[in-house]
Amino acid sequence: MKRWLISLASLLVVGSIVSAAASWWALQRTRVVPDFYSQAALRMPKDLDSAIASLEKDVVQLQGDAARLGSWCAAFTDEQVNAWLVQQLPREFPNLLPRGVTEPRIVIEDGRVFAAARYKNQHIDTIVSFEVKAALTEQANVIAIQITNLRAGALPLPLSRFLRGISAEAAKSNMEVRWDMDQSEPIALVTVPSEHRSYKHTPVIVESVGLSAGLLSLAGHTGAEAFEAYQPRGPIYQLASARVGIPSALQRNEIRQNETPSPHQVR
């Protein structure tokens, strides 16, 4: 009996040590700061006001160009966006970020947007980051967006809750978001309105979305012939199966058993 108690106590001690070590390791991993987040801080424009004024001017120009018949294009730098995130976001939309989230930053390169923000509460202080890829589809104004590599520091996090939050926020904004469940990673299919009561001419069609070397570029066409002439430029995501809701692992397995998986991915 005594030997059994000693063995049990030893197991409990070893288990406690392993659990503590795992917790310590996880905590250390959450303290890792992504390289791109540090780079974004270093590349922050010295004159925030000028960068923000330039961004707002470009946005107004895009709105004016898209309101007229014919082709249009625009480009925005990640430095402009970061300047706006630092200065204008807290001023104009103080309740937009969830509680505990501050200092959002982005970096655009290699066809992706790297996004991150600091998250802090009474238990943790970490940088939450993720990557975004975007591509047009064969359906006009339907953009495929893939979110991957959600992490707290260097510690991977599950995407499901994060994606449910996206769906909830989109619903509040009356934005149509569907989920293509035919991929190993869920793809958000976001519909950009081609017609709106505020548009002077319709439809407004997006023909290209580019993400490279610190630059977000957009191009499109406005007018009655835009739908008929729609020819997406750049990487194209082939729609396979778009269903409402966030796919669970079980749902994806069922889909694979009944359908041939699509080889296409957001590139």
Foldseek 3Di string as FASTA:
>chain_A
DVVVVVVVVVVVVVVVVVVVVVVVVQQVQLAADDPVLVVQVVPADPPLVVLQVVVVVQVVVQLVVLLDFWKDKGKHFQNSVLSCQQPVCCPPPVPPDDPQWHRWGWFFADQKIKIWTWGDDPPHTFIWIWIKHWAAAPQWQWIKIFIDQTANRNHGDDCQVVVVVVVVVCVVVVWDWWWQLLDPTIIITTGDQLDDPPRNFGRWTWQEWGTHDRMTMTMTGTHDCRRVPRDHDDDYFYRDGIHHDDDDPVNNVVCVVVDPRDPGDRD
